[in-house]
Amino acid sequence: MESASGPGRTALLLIECQRGVVGDLSVLPDLAAQVGPVLQRISALAAAARDAGVAVAHLTYAPLPGGRSTNRRSPLTRATAGTRDWGADRPGADVVPEIGVAEGDLVFERHQGISPVHRTEVLAVLRNMGMEEIAVAGVSTNLAVPLVAVAAADEDFGVTIVRDATAGVPASHHESMLCHTLAFVGRLVTTDELVAEWQSGTEGSGVGPN
């Protein structure tokens, strides 16, 4: 299926591009070490989205002080228990300065859960705004990116994954997830390809290996 909903009906979801995830306060140092060059592409993508009239939404994780909102059942939540020390002002929840939050951006802050969209209002709000297409960037292709992409596809959004504006660890697994999993959920494009589409005023969506 091909669509031309256009930038005005498209939202760019930037997943957990936070100081405490990929920045100077990261609780996932291996991921932070790998994502450096990717942040510059995400920053360029966000700037292009704003210029083209694409809605920019930041999906962030900000547990309550002391980690009171987060369970410790999964290996991931146990491994990232350091988030409990972010404190009341939670600087680890801030979007990294390389990307920033511009006037007009949306920030969806969640306090618990592995998935950035499960039991949140993200997709419902975007639907109410008239969005039909979702472009996904950020981290990581290990879990959060596929969880968002699948949830959006299940809600009948057209899904685009920006392959060079996402990251996961190790790099070989990132590439495998893109080619052998995410390609079956949405289409894969590069930052330059997507920006060119926005600048031309159209965006296509399709499902299948890319």
N, C-alpha and C. Protein backbone atom coordinates (compact mmCIF):
# COMPACT_ATOMS: atom_id res chain seq x y z
N MET A 1 0.84 -1.20 0.00
CA MET A 1 0.00 0.00 0.00
C MET A 1 0.86 1.24 0.00
N GLU A 2 0.51 2.23 -0.80
CA GLU A 2 1.23 3.49 -0.84
C GLU A 2 0.30 4.61 -0.39
N SER A 3 0.86 5.57 0.32
CA SER A 3 0.08 6.69 0.82
C SER A 3 0.84 7.97 0.58
N ALA A 4 0.14 9.07 0.48
CA ALA A 4 0.78 10.37 0.35
C ALA A 4 0.11 11.34 1.32
N SER A 5 0.16 10.99 2.59
CA SER A 5 -0.51 11.79 3.60
C SER A 5 0.13 13.16 3.75
N GLY A 6 1.42 13.26 3.50
CA GLY A 6 2.09 14.53 3.57
C GLY A 6 2.59 14.86 4.96
N PRO A 7 3.50 15.82 5.05
CA PRO A 7 4.12 16.18 6.32
C PRO A 7 3.12 16.62 7.39
N GLY A 8 2.04 17.29 6.99
CA GLY A 8 1.08 17.78 7.97
C GLY A 8 0.34 16.70 8.71
N ARG A 9 0.37 15.48 8.19
CA ARG A 9 -0.27 14.36 8.87
C ARG A 9 0.76 13.33 9.35
N THR A 10 1.98 13.80 9.52
CA THR A 10 3.08 12.92 9.93
C THR A 10 3.66 13.39 11.25
N ALA A 11 3.99 12.45 12.12
CA ALA A 11 4.66 12.75 13.38
C ALA A 11 6.00 12.03 13.42
N LEU A 12 7.03 12.73 13.85
CA LEU A 12 8.35 12.14 14.06
C LEU A 12 8.47 11.84 15.54
N LEU A 13 8.63 10.57 15.88
CA LEU A 13 8.77 10.16 17.27
C LEU A 13 10.24 9.93 17.58
N LEU A 14 10.77 10.70 18.51
CA LEU A 14 12.16 10.58 18.94
C LEU A 14 12.18 9.85 20.27
N ILE A 15 12.71 8.64 20.26
CA ILE A 15 12.58 7.74 21.40
C ILE A 15 13.78 7.81 22.33
N GLU A 16 13.53 8.24 23.55
CA GLU A 16 14.48 8.20 24.67
C GLU A 16 15.86 8.78 24.33
N CYS A 17 15.85 9.89 23.60
CA CYS A 17 17.11 10.59 23.30
C CYS A 17 17.44 11.52 24.48
N GLN A 18 17.74 10.91 25.61
CA GLN A 18 17.86 11.62 26.88
C GLN A 18 19.28 11.57 27.43
N ARG A 19 19.59 12.52 28.29
CA ARG A 19 20.91 12.55 28.92
C ARG A 19 21.17 11.26 29.70
N GLY A 20 20.15 10.71 30.32
CA GLY A 20 20.33 9.51 31.13
C GLY A 20 20.32 8.21 30.35
N VAL A 21 20.08 8.30 29.04
CA VAL A 21 20.07 7.10 28.20
C VAL A 21 21.23 7.12 27.22
N VAL A 22 21.37 8.22 26.46
CA VAL A 22 22.43 8.29 25.45
C VAL A 22 23.37 9.47 25.67
N GLY A 23 23.17 10.21 26.74
CA GLY A 23 23.98 11.40 26.98
C GLY A 23 24.98 11.24 28.10
N ASP A 24 25.32 12.35 28.72
CA ASP A 24 26.39 12.38 29.71
C ASP A 24 26.04 11.68 31.02
N LEU A 25 24.77 11.38 31.25
CA LEU A 25 24.34 10.71 32.48
C LEU A 25 23.85 9.29 32.20
N SER A 26 24.28 8.71 31.11
CA SER A 26 23.73 7.44 30.64
C SER A 26 23.89 6.30 31.64
N VAL A 27 22.80 5.54 31.82
CA VAL A 27 22.86 4.30 32.59
C VAL A 27 23.10 3.11 31.66
N LEU A 28 23.27 3.40 30.36
CA LEU A 28 23.55 2.37 29.34
C LEU A 28 24.79 2.82 28.56
N PRO A 29 25.97 2.72 29.17
CA PRO A 29 27.18 3.28 28.55
C PRO A 29 27.52 2.68 27.20
N ASP A 30 27.28 1.39 26.99
CA ASP A 30 27.58 0.80 25.69
C ASP A 30 26.75 1.43 24.58
N LEU A 31 25.49 1.67 24.88
CA LEU A 31 24.62 2.31 23.90
C LEU A 31 25.05 3.75 23.68
N ALA A 32 25.34 4.47 24.75
CA ALA A 32 25.75 5.86 24.63
C ALA A 32 27.03 6.00 23.81
N ALA A 33 27.95 5.05 23.96
CA ALA A 33 29.21 5.11 23.23
C ALA A 33 28.99 4.93 21.73
N GLN A 34 27.98 4.17 21.36
CA GLN A 34 27.74 3.88 19.95
C GLN A 34 26.88 4.94 19.27
N VAL A 35 26.08 5.65 20.04
CA VAL A 35 25.05 6.49 19.44
C VAL A 35 25.53 7.89 19.07
N GLY A 36 26.76 8.25 19.45
CA GLY A 36 27.26 9.60 19.21
C GLY A 36 26.99 10.15 17.83
N PRO A 37 27.47 9.52 16.76
CA PRO A 37 27.23 10.05 15.41
C PRO A 37 25.76 10.08 15.03
N VAL A 38 24.98 9.17 15.60
CA VAL A 38 23.56 9.10 15.27
C VAL A 38 22.82 10.33 15.79
N LEU A 39 23.25 10.86 16.93
CA LEU A 39 22.57 12.02 17.50
C LEU A 39 22.58 13.21 16.56
N GLN A 40 23.66 13.38 15.83
CA GLN A 40 23.72 14.49 14.88
C GLN A 40 22.70 14.32 13.77
N ARG A 41 22.51 13.09 13.30
CA ARG A 41 21.50 12.85 12.27
C ARG A 41 20.09 13.05 12.83
N ILE A 42 19.87 12.62 14.07
CA ILE A 42 18.55 12.83 14.69
C ILE A 42 18.28 14.32 14.83
N SER A 43 19.30 15.08 15.21
CA SER A 43 19.15 16.53 15.34
C SER A 43 18.77 17.16 14.01
N ALA A 44 19.45 16.74 12.95
CA ALA A 44 19.14 17.26 11.61
C ALA A 44 17.75 16.85 11.17
N LEU A 45 17.36 15.63 11.52
CA LEU A 45 16.03 15.13 11.17
C LEU A 45 14.95 15.94 11.88
N ALA A 46 15.17 16.21 13.17
CA ALA A 46 14.20 16.98 13.93
C ALA A 46 14.06 18.39 13.37
N ALA A 47 15.19 19.00 13.03
CA ALA A 47 15.15 20.36 12.47
C ALA A 47 14.39 20.38 11.15
N ALA A 48 14.64 19.38 10.31
CA ALA A 48 13.96 19.31 9.02
C ALA A 48 12.47 19.07 9.20
N ALA A 49 12.12 18.26 10.20
CA ALA A 49 10.71 17.99 10.47
C ALA A 49 9.99 19.28 10.86
N ARG A 50 10.61 20.03 11.75
CA ARG A 50 9.98 21.30 12.18
C ARG A 50 9.80 22.24 11.00
N ASP A 51 10.79 22.32 10.14
CA ASP A 51 10.71 23.20 8.98
C ASP A 51 9.61 22.78 8.02
N ALA A 52 9.37 21.45 7.94
CA ALA A 52 8.40 20.92 6.98
C ALA A 52 6.99 20.84 7.53
N GLY A 53 6.80 21.17 8.81
CA GLY A 53 5.48 21.07 9.40
C GLY A 53 5.14 19.69 9.92
N VAL A 54 6.15 18.85 10.10
CA VAL A 54 5.97 17.53 10.71
C VAL A 54 5.97 17.71 12.23
N ALA A 55 5.03 17.08 12.91
CA ALA A 55 4.97 17.16 14.37
C ALA A 55 6.14 16.38 14.97
N VAL A 56 6.87 16.99 15.88
CA VAL A 56 8.00 16.35 16.55
C VAL A 56 7.58 16.00 17.97
N ALA A 57 7.70 14.72 18.32
CA ALA A 57 7.30 14.25 19.65
C ALA A 57 8.46 13.50 20.30
N HIS A 58 8.78 13.89 21.51
CA HIS A 58 9.83 13.24 22.29
C HIS A 58 9.19 12.27 23.26
N LEU A 59 9.58 11.01 23.18
CA LEU A 59 9.09 9.99 24.10
C LEU A 59 10.17 9.73 25.13
N THR A 60 9.94 10.19 26.36
CA THR A 60 10.98 10.14 27.39
C THR A 60 10.54 9.29 28.57
N TYR A 61 11.55 8.83 29.30
CA TYR A 61 11.33 8.02 30.51
C TYR A 61 11.83 8.82 31.70
N ALA A 62 10.96 9.01 32.69
CA ALA A 62 11.32 9.80 33.87
C ALA A 62 10.68 9.16 35.10
N PRO A 63 11.37 8.17 35.69
CA PRO A 63 10.80 7.51 36.87
C PRO A 63 10.65 8.48 38.02
N LEU A 64 9.72 8.19 38.90
CA LEU A 64 9.56 9.02 40.08
C LEU A 64 10.82 8.95 40.94
N PRO A 65 11.11 9.99 41.71
CA PRO A 65 12.31 9.99 42.55
C PRO A 65 12.40 8.72 43.39
N GLY A 66 13.62 8.19 43.46
CA GLY A 66 13.83 6.95 44.21
C GLY A 66 13.41 5.71 43.46
N GLY A 67 13.02 5.87 42.20
CA GLY A 67 12.61 4.71 41.41
C GLY A 67 11.30 4.10 41.85
N ARG A 68 10.45 4.88 42.53
CA ARG A 68 9.22 4.33 43.10
C ARG A 68 8.22 3.87 42.04
N SER A 69 8.33 4.36 40.82
CA SER A 69 7.34 4.01 39.79
C SER A 69 7.76 2.83 38.93
N THR A 70 8.94 2.29 39.16
CA THR A 70 9.48 1.26 38.27
C THR A 70 9.63 -0.07 39.00
N ASN A 71 9.13 -1.14 38.36
CA ASN A 71 9.31 -2.45 38.98
C ASN A 71 10.71 -2.99 38.70
N ARG A 72 11.07 -4.05 39.36
CA ARG A 72 12.40 -4.63 39.20
C ARG A 72 12.32 -6.08 38.72
N ARG A 73 11.27 -6.40 37.99
CA ARG A 73 11.08 -7.78 37.55
C ARG A 73 11.92 -8.15 36.34
N SER A 74 12.10 -7.20 35.42
CA SER A 74 12.81 -7.53 34.18
C SER A 74 14.31 -7.28 34.35
N PRO A 75 15.14 -8.00 33.60
CA PRO A 75 16.58 -7.74 33.63
C PRO A 75 16.91 -6.30 33.24
N LEU A 76 16.15 -5.73 32.30
CA LEU A 76 16.44 -4.37 31.87
C LEU A 76 16.22 -3.36 32.99
N THR A 77 15.09 -3.46 33.68
CA THR A 77 14.83 -2.49 34.74
C THR A 77 15.80 -2.66 35.90
N ARG A 78 16.26 -3.89 36.11
CA ARG A 78 17.28 -4.08 37.15
C ARG A 78 18.62 -3.50 36.71
N ALA A 79 18.95 -3.67 35.43
CA ALA A 79 20.23 -3.17 34.93
C ALA A 79 20.28 -1.65 34.89
N THR A 80 19.12 -1.02 34.78
CA THR A 80 19.08 0.45 34.71
C THR A 80 18.55 1.05 36.01
N ALA A 81 18.77 0.36 37.11
CA ALA A 81 18.29 0.83 38.40
C ALA A 81 18.90 2.17 38.79
N GLY A 82 20.00 2.55 38.15
CA GLY A 82 20.62 3.83 38.44
C GLY A 82 19.71 5.02 38.15
N THR A 83 18.64 4.81 37.41
CA THR A 83 17.71 5.90 37.14
C THR A 83 17.06 6.40 38.42
N ARG A 84 17.05 5.58 39.45
CA ARG A 84 16.44 6.02 40.71
C ARG A 84 17.21 7.18 41.33
N ASP A 85 18.46 7.36 40.92
CA ASP A 85 19.30 8.42 41.49
C ASP A 85 19.25 9.71 40.69
N TRP A 86 18.39 9.77 39.67
CA TRP A 86 18.29 11.00 38.90
C TRP A 86 17.79 12.16 39.75
N GLY A 87 17.05 11.85 40.82
CA GLY A 87 16.61 12.89 41.75
C GLY A 87 15.34 13.59 41.31
N ALA A 88 14.89 14.50 42.16
CA ALA A 88 13.61 15.17 41.93
C ALA A 88 13.62 16.01 40.66
N ASP A 89 14.76 16.61 40.35
CA ASP A 89 14.83 17.43 39.13
C ASP A 89 15.07 16.60 37.88
N ARG A 90 15.47 15.34 38.06
CA ARG A 90 15.59 14.34 36.99
C ARG A 90 16.32 14.84 35.75
N PRO A 91 17.57 15.29 35.88
CA PRO A 91 18.30 15.73 34.69
C PRO A 91 18.50 14.61 33.68
N GLY A 92 18.51 13.36 34.15
CA GLY A 92 18.66 12.25 33.22
C GLY A 92 17.49 12.11 32.26
N ALA A 93 16.35 12.71 32.62
CA ALA A 93 15.18 12.64 31.76
C ALA A 93 15.19 13.70 30.67
N ASP A 94 16.10 14.67 30.77
CA ASP A 94 16.14 15.75 29.79
C ASP A 94 16.58 15.25 28.41
N VAL A 95 16.00 15.78 27.38
CA VAL A 95 16.44 15.50 26.01
C VAL A 95 17.85 16.05 25.84
N VAL A 96 18.70 15.29 25.17
CA VAL A 96 20.09 15.72 25.01
C VAL A 96 20.15 17.05 24.27
N PRO A 97 21.11 17.91 24.62
CA PRO A 97 21.17 19.24 24.00
C PRO A 97 21.42 19.20 22.51
N GLU A 98 22.05 18.12 22.00
CA GLU A 98 22.27 18.03 20.56
C GLU A 98 20.95 18.10 19.77
N ILE A 99 19.87 17.65 20.41
CA ILE A 99 18.55 17.62 19.75
C ILE A 99 17.67 18.74 20.28
N GLY A 100 17.54 18.81 21.60
CA GLY A 100 16.75 19.85 22.22
C GLY A 100 15.26 19.69 22.02
N VAL A 101 14.51 20.51 22.73
CA VAL A 101 13.05 20.55 22.61
C VAL A 101 12.67 21.95 22.15
N ALA A 102 12.17 22.04 20.94
CA ALA A 102 11.81 23.35 20.37
C ALA A 102 10.38 23.71 20.73
N GLU A 103 10.08 24.98 20.63
CA GLU A 103 8.71 25.43 20.84
C GLU A 103 7.80 24.73 19.84
N GLY A 104 6.73 24.17 20.34
CA GLY A 104 5.81 23.43 19.47
C GLY A 104 6.03 21.94 19.49
N ASP A 105 7.20 21.46 19.96
CA ASP A 105 7.42 20.03 20.10
C ASP A 105 6.50 19.47 21.19
N LEU A 106 6.16 18.21 21.06
CA LEU A 106 5.42 17.49 22.09
C LEU A 106 6.40 16.68 22.92
N VAL A 107 6.16 16.59 24.22
CA VAL A 107 6.96 15.74 25.10
C VAL A 107 6.00 14.81 25.84
N PHE A 108 6.13 13.52 25.58
CA PHE A 108 5.34 12.51 26.27
C PHE A 108 6.25 11.82 27.29
N GLU A 109 6.09 12.19 28.53
CA GLU A 109 6.94 11.66 29.60
C GLU A 109 6.21 10.52 30.32
N ARG A 110 6.85 9.36 30.38
CA ARG A 110 6.25 8.26 31.12
C ARG A 110 7.08 7.97 32.36
N HIS A 111 6.43 7.38 33.36
CA HIS A 111 7.10 7.11 34.63
C HIS A 111 7.43 5.64 34.84
N GLN A 112 6.92 4.76 33.99
CA GLN A 112 7.15 3.34 34.19
C GLN A 112 7.05 2.61 32.87
N GLY A 113 7.46 1.34 32.87
CA GLY A 113 7.27 0.50 31.71
C GLY A 113 8.47 0.48 30.77
N ILE A 114 8.60 -0.64 30.06
CA ILE A 114 9.66 -0.80 29.07
C ILE A 114 9.26 -0.15 27.75
N SER A 115 8.01 -0.32 27.34
CA SER A 115 7.55 0.24 26.07
C SER A 115 7.24 1.72 26.24
N PRO A 116 7.69 2.56 25.30
CA PRO A 116 7.38 3.99 25.36
C PRO A 116 5.92 4.32 25.08
N VAL A 117 5.13 3.34 24.58
CA VAL A 117 3.74 3.65 24.24
C VAL A 117 2.71 2.79 24.96
N HIS A 118 3.11 1.67 25.54
CA HIS A 118 2.14 0.80 26.21
C HIS A 118 1.50 1.53 27.39
N ARG A 119 0.17 1.56 27.40
CA ARG A 119 -0.60 2.21 28.47
C ARG A 119 -0.27 3.70 28.61
N THR A 120 0.12 4.32 27.51
CA THR A 120 0.33 5.76 27.49
C THR A 120 -0.68 6.37 26.53
N GLU A 121 -0.71 7.70 26.47
CA GLU A 121 -1.65 8.40 25.60
C GLU A 121 -1.05 8.78 24.26
N VAL A 122 0.18 8.35 24.00
CA VAL A 122 0.91 8.83 22.82
C VAL A 122 0.12 8.64 21.53
N LEU A 123 -0.24 7.41 21.22
CA LEU A 123 -0.87 7.14 19.92
C LEU A 123 -2.27 7.74 19.83
N ALA A 124 -2.98 7.76 20.96
CA ALA A 124 -4.32 8.36 20.95
C ALA A 124 -4.24 9.85 20.69
N VAL A 125 -3.28 10.54 21.31
CA VAL A 125 -3.13 11.97 21.09
C VAL A 125 -2.77 12.25 19.63
N LEU A 126 -1.83 11.46 19.09
CA LEU A 126 -1.45 11.67 17.70
C LEU A 126 -2.62 11.43 16.75
N ARG A 127 -3.42 10.43 17.04
CA ARG A 127 -4.61 10.18 16.23
C ARG A 127 -5.56 11.36 16.32
N ASN A 128 -5.76 11.90 17.53
CA ASN A 128 -6.66 13.05 17.70
C ASN A 128 -6.14 14.28 16.96
N MET A 129 -4.83 14.35 16.77
CA MET A 129 -4.23 15.47 16.03
C MET A 129 -4.34 15.29 14.52
N GLY A 130 -4.86 14.14 14.10
CA GLY A 130 -5.02 13.89 12.67
C GLY A 130 -3.83 13.23 12.02
N MET A 131 -2.91 12.72 12.84
CA MET A 131 -1.74 12.06 12.28
C MET A 131 -2.11 10.71 11.65
N GLU A 132 -1.48 10.41 10.53
CA GLU A 132 -1.68 9.13 9.85
C GLU A 132 -0.38 8.37 9.67
N GLU A 133 0.74 9.10 9.66
CA GLU A 133 2.05 8.49 9.43
C GLU A 133 2.95 8.74 10.64
N ILE A 134 3.71 7.73 11.00
CA ILE A 134 4.65 7.82 12.12
C ILE A 134 6.05 7.52 11.59
N ALA A 135 6.99 8.42 11.85
CA ALA A 135 8.40 8.15 11.57
C ALA A 135 9.10 7.95 12.91
N VAL A 136 9.91 6.92 13.00
CA VAL A 136 10.52 6.53 14.27
C VAL A 136 12.03 6.70 14.20
N ALA A 137 12.58 7.40 15.20
CA ALA A 137 14.03 7.55 15.33
C ALA A 137 14.38 7.48 16.81
N GLY A 138 15.66 7.26 17.10
CA GLY A 138 16.08 7.20 18.50
C GLY A 138 16.57 5.83 18.89
N VAL A 139 16.41 5.50 20.16
CA VAL A 139 16.97 4.26 20.70
C VAL A 139 15.92 3.49 21.52
N SER A 140 16.13 2.22 21.56
CA SER A 140 17.09 1.49 20.76
C SER A 140 16.36 0.43 19.96
N THR A 141 17.05 -0.06 18.92
CA THR A 141 16.46 -1.13 18.13
C THR A 141 16.47 -2.47 18.86
N ASN A 142 17.07 -2.51 20.04
CA ASN A 142 16.98 -3.72 20.86
C ASN A 142 15.55 -3.94 21.34
N LEU A 143 14.89 -2.86 21.83
CA LEU A 143 13.54 -3.01 22.38
C LEU A 143 12.61 -1.86 22.03
N ALA A 144 12.95 -0.64 22.45
CA ALA A 144 11.99 0.46 22.38
C ALA A 144 11.53 0.78 20.97
N VAL A 145 12.45 0.81 20.02
CA VAL A 145 12.08 1.14 18.64
C VAL A 145 11.10 0.12 18.07
N PRO A 146 11.38 -1.20 18.14
CA PRO A 146 10.40 -2.15 17.62
C PRO A 146 9.08 -2.13 18.37
N LEU A 147 9.11 -1.89 19.69
CA LEU A 147 7.85 -1.83 20.44
C LEU A 147 6.98 -0.69 19.96
N VAL A 148 7.57 0.46 19.72
CA VAL A 148 6.81 1.61 19.21
C VAL A 148 6.32 1.34 17.80
N ALA A 149 7.19 0.82 16.95
CA ALA A 149 6.81 0.58 15.56
C ALA A 149 5.65 -0.41 15.45
N VAL A 150 5.72 -1.50 16.19
CA VAL A 150 4.66 -2.51 16.14
C VAL A 150 3.35 -1.94 16.69
N ALA A 151 3.42 -1.21 17.81
CA ALA A 151 2.21 -0.64 18.39
C ALA A 151 1.56 0.34 17.42
N ALA A 152 2.36 1.16 16.74
CA ALA A 152 1.81 2.12 15.78
C ALA A 152 1.19 1.40 14.59
N ALA A 153 1.87 0.36 14.10
CA ALA A 153 1.34 -0.40 12.97
C ALA A 153 0.03 -1.07 13.34
N ASP A 154 -0.06 -1.61 14.55
CA ASP A 154 -1.29 -2.26 15.01
C ASP A 154 -2.44 -1.27 15.13
N GLU A 155 -2.13 0.01 15.32
CA GLU A 155 -3.16 1.05 15.39
C GLU A 155 -3.41 1.69 14.03
N ASP A 156 -2.89 1.07 12.97
CA ASP A 156 -3.14 1.47 11.59
C ASP A 156 -2.48 2.78 11.20
N PHE A 157 -1.37 3.12 11.85
CA PHE A 157 -0.53 4.21 11.36
C PHE A 157 0.41 3.65 10.30
N GLY A 158 0.72 4.44 9.30
CA GLY A 158 1.81 4.09 8.41
C GLY A 158 3.11 4.30 9.17
N VAL A 159 4.02 3.33 9.12
CA VAL A 159 5.24 3.38 9.94
C VAL A 159 6.48 3.45 9.06
N THR A 160 7.35 4.40 9.38
CA THR A 160 8.65 4.54 8.74
C THR A 160 9.72 4.49 9.81
N ILE A 161 10.73 3.67 9.63
CA ILE A 161 11.87 3.61 10.56
C ILE A 161 13.06 4.25 9.87
N VAL A 162 13.65 5.24 10.51
CA VAL A 162 14.80 5.94 9.92
C VAL A 162 16.06 5.19 10.31
N ARG A 163 16.58 4.41 9.40
CA ARG A 163 17.58 3.41 9.74
C ARG A 163 18.89 4.01 10.25
N ASP A 164 19.30 5.18 9.72
CA ASP A 164 20.56 5.76 10.18
C ASP A 164 20.35 6.80 11.28
N ALA A 165 19.10 6.92 11.77
CA ALA A 165 18.80 7.78 12.91
C ALA A 165 18.26 6.94 14.07
N THR A 166 18.61 5.66 14.05
CA THR A 166 18.31 4.75 15.15
C THR A 166 19.60 4.03 15.51
N ALA A 167 19.61 3.41 16.68
CA ALA A 167 20.81 2.68 17.11
C ALA A 167 20.42 1.57 18.06
N GLY A 168 21.30 0.58 18.15
CA GLY A 168 21.15 -0.52 19.10
C GLY A 168 22.50 -1.15 19.32
N VAL A 169 22.58 -2.04 20.29
CA VAL A 169 23.85 -2.70 20.59
C VAL A 169 23.67 -4.21 20.61
N PRO A 170 24.69 -4.92 20.10
CA PRO A 170 25.82 -4.39 19.33
C PRO A 170 25.38 -3.95 17.94
N ALA A 171 26.30 -3.36 17.19
CA ALA A 171 25.95 -2.83 15.87
C ALA A 171 25.42 -3.91 14.95
N SER A 172 25.95 -5.11 15.07
CA SER A 172 25.50 -6.22 14.21
C SER A 172 24.04 -6.56 14.50
N HIS A 173 23.66 -6.48 15.75
CA HIS A 173 22.26 -6.77 16.12
C HIS A 173 21.35 -5.67 15.59
N HIS A 174 21.81 -4.44 15.66
CA HIS A 174 21.04 -3.32 15.12
C HIS A 174 20.71 -3.55 13.65
N GLU A 175 21.72 -3.91 12.88
CA GLU A 175 21.49 -4.15 11.45
C GLU A 175 20.56 -5.33 11.22
N SER A 176 20.71 -6.37 12.04
CA SER A 176 19.84 -7.53 11.91
C SER A 176 18.40 -7.18 12.23
N MET A 177 18.17 -6.39 13.26
CA MET A 177 16.81 -5.98 13.62
C MET A 177 16.18 -5.16 12.49
N LEU A 178 16.96 -4.27 11.91
CA LEU A 178 16.42 -3.48 10.80
C LEU A 178 16.00 -4.37 9.64
N CYS A 179 16.88 -5.25 9.23
CA CYS A 179 16.66 -6.03 8.01
C CYS A 179 15.69 -7.18 8.19
N HIS A 180 15.71 -7.81 9.36
CA HIS A 180 14.97 -9.05 9.53
C HIS A 180 13.75 -8.94 10.44
N THR A 181 13.55 -7.79 11.06
CA THR A 181 12.37 -7.60 11.90
C THR A 181 11.62 -6.33 11.51
N LEU A 182 12.28 -5.18 11.62
CA LEU A 182 11.58 -3.92 11.40
C LEU A 182 11.14 -3.73 9.95
N ALA A 183 11.83 -4.34 9.02
CA ALA A 183 11.43 -4.24 7.61
C ALA A 183 10.07 -4.88 7.36
N PHE A 184 9.60 -5.72 8.28
CA PHE A 184 8.29 -6.34 8.14
C PHE A 184 7.21 -5.56 8.88
N VAL A 185 7.60 -4.51 9.57
CA VAL A 185 6.65 -3.68 10.31
C VAL A 185 6.38 -2.36 9.58
N GLY A 186 7.41 -1.80 8.99
CA GLY A 186 7.27 -0.55 8.26
C GLY A 186 8.35 -0.46 7.20
N ARG A 187 8.44 0.68 6.57
CA ARG A 187 9.47 0.84 5.56
C ARG A 187 10.72 1.44 6.19
N LEU A 188 11.86 1.13 5.63
CA LEU A 188 13.14 1.63 6.11
C LEU A 188 13.65 2.69 5.14
N VAL A 189 14.04 3.84 5.69
CA VAL A 189 14.59 4.92 4.87
C VAL A 189 15.79 5.52 5.59
N THR A 190 16.58 6.28 4.88
CA THR A 190 17.65 7.05 5.50
C THR A 190 17.13 8.44 5.86
N THR A 191 17.91 9.14 6.68
CA THR A 191 17.55 10.51 7.04
C THR A 191 17.40 11.38 5.79
N ASP A 192 18.36 11.29 4.88
CA ASP A 192 18.32 12.13 3.68
C ASP A 192 17.10 11.82 2.83
N GLU A 193 16.75 10.56 2.71
CA GLU A 193 15.58 10.19 1.91
C GLU A 193 14.29 10.75 2.51
N LEU A 194 14.17 10.66 3.82
CA LEU A 194 12.95 11.13 4.46
C LEU A 194 12.84 12.65 4.40
N VAL A 195 13.95 13.34 4.63
CA VAL A 195 13.95 14.80 4.54
C VAL A 195 13.55 15.25 3.13
N ALA A 196 14.08 14.55 2.13
CA ALA A 196 13.72 14.90 0.75
C ALA A 196 12.22 14.73 0.51
N GLU A 197 11.63 13.69 1.07
CA GLU A 197 10.18 13.48 0.93
C GLU A 197 9.42 14.62 1.59
N TRP A 198 9.84 14.99 2.79
CA TRP A 198 9.15 16.08 3.49
C TRP A 198 9.26 17.38 2.70
N GLN A 199 10.42 17.62 2.14
CA GLN A 199 10.61 18.86 1.40
C GLN A 199 9.79 18.88 0.12
N SER A 200 9.50 17.70 -0.42
CA SER A 200 8.68 17.63 -1.62
C SER A 200 7.20 17.66 -1.30
N GLY A 201 6.87 17.50 0.01
CA GLY A 201 5.49 17.60 0.45
C GLY A 201 4.72 16.31 0.45
N THR A 202 5.38 15.17 0.24
CA THR A 202 4.70 13.89 0.26
C THR A 202 5.49 12.91 1.09
N GLU A 203 4.76 11.87 1.55
CA GLU A 203 5.45 10.77 2.22
C GLU A 203 4.71 9.49 1.92
N GLY A 204 5.45 8.49 1.47
CA GLY A 204 4.84 7.20 1.19
C GLY A 204 5.03 6.24 2.33
N SER A 205 4.19 5.25 2.43
CA SER A 205 4.38 4.21 3.45
C SER A 205 4.09 2.87 2.81
N GLY A 206 4.83 1.89 3.27
CA GLY A 206 4.63 0.55 2.78
C GLY A 206 5.19 -0.45 3.76
N VAL A 207 4.83 -1.71 3.62
CA VAL A 207 5.31 -2.74 4.50
C VAL A 207 6.00 -3.80 3.67
N GLY A 208 7.15 -4.23 4.16
CA GLY A 208 7.87 -5.27 3.47
C GLY A 208 9.34 -5.05 3.59
N PRO A 209 10.16 -6.05 3.29
CA PRO A 209 11.59 -5.90 3.37
C PRO A 209 12.09 -4.77 2.49
N ASN A 210 13.06 -3.98 3.04
CA ASN A 210 13.62 -2.87 2.28
C ASN A 210 15.13 -3.00 2.25
